[in-house]
């Protein structure tokens, strides 16, 4: 596989707390884009309070393109709240809803300005449990170049079937009705 098609140069498997430490360390370089796919978004470990605080943290450091992919907001107690979804959309985060089929994927894909990437794929939701308390496993992949398997999955998750927050809101309410609260 040539570098122009993407090449994995490092791989590892991490348990919950090791994953969170490695994920935080991954945020120190200049990021061009970050995609987080998780069905659940709750309180996060320090230094982040929640996904909104996480995105604010990233924006204070640089201006990466941030994409969040999840299930419909407020569908149950584990889904991201409508308030957080609205805040992310208002703050310019690409917020995508996958209403069908049920989204269970967990993917953290970081592309750096220097041309390399780091991805984490496994069982950790973007929650306090998934990043600190539960027994989870995450595979870490590092490499260079585009067109990696993780890029392919990001394209699939952001492609047909994904709705922007505004498209999801418009689909969930009748013509002329107020926004879902």
Foldseek 3Di string as FASTA:
>chain_A
DDLQQKDWDDKDKDKQQVVLVVVVVVLPAAFQEKEWEAAFWDQADPPAGTVLRVVVVSVVVHDHAYEYEYADAPPDPRGHHPVVLVSCVVVRHFYKHQHPDHDHWTKIWTAHPVFKIKMKGWRAGRHHCSRPNDTIMIMITIIGHDNDVVNVVVCVRCDPRIDTPVRVQPVVDDPPDDGDD
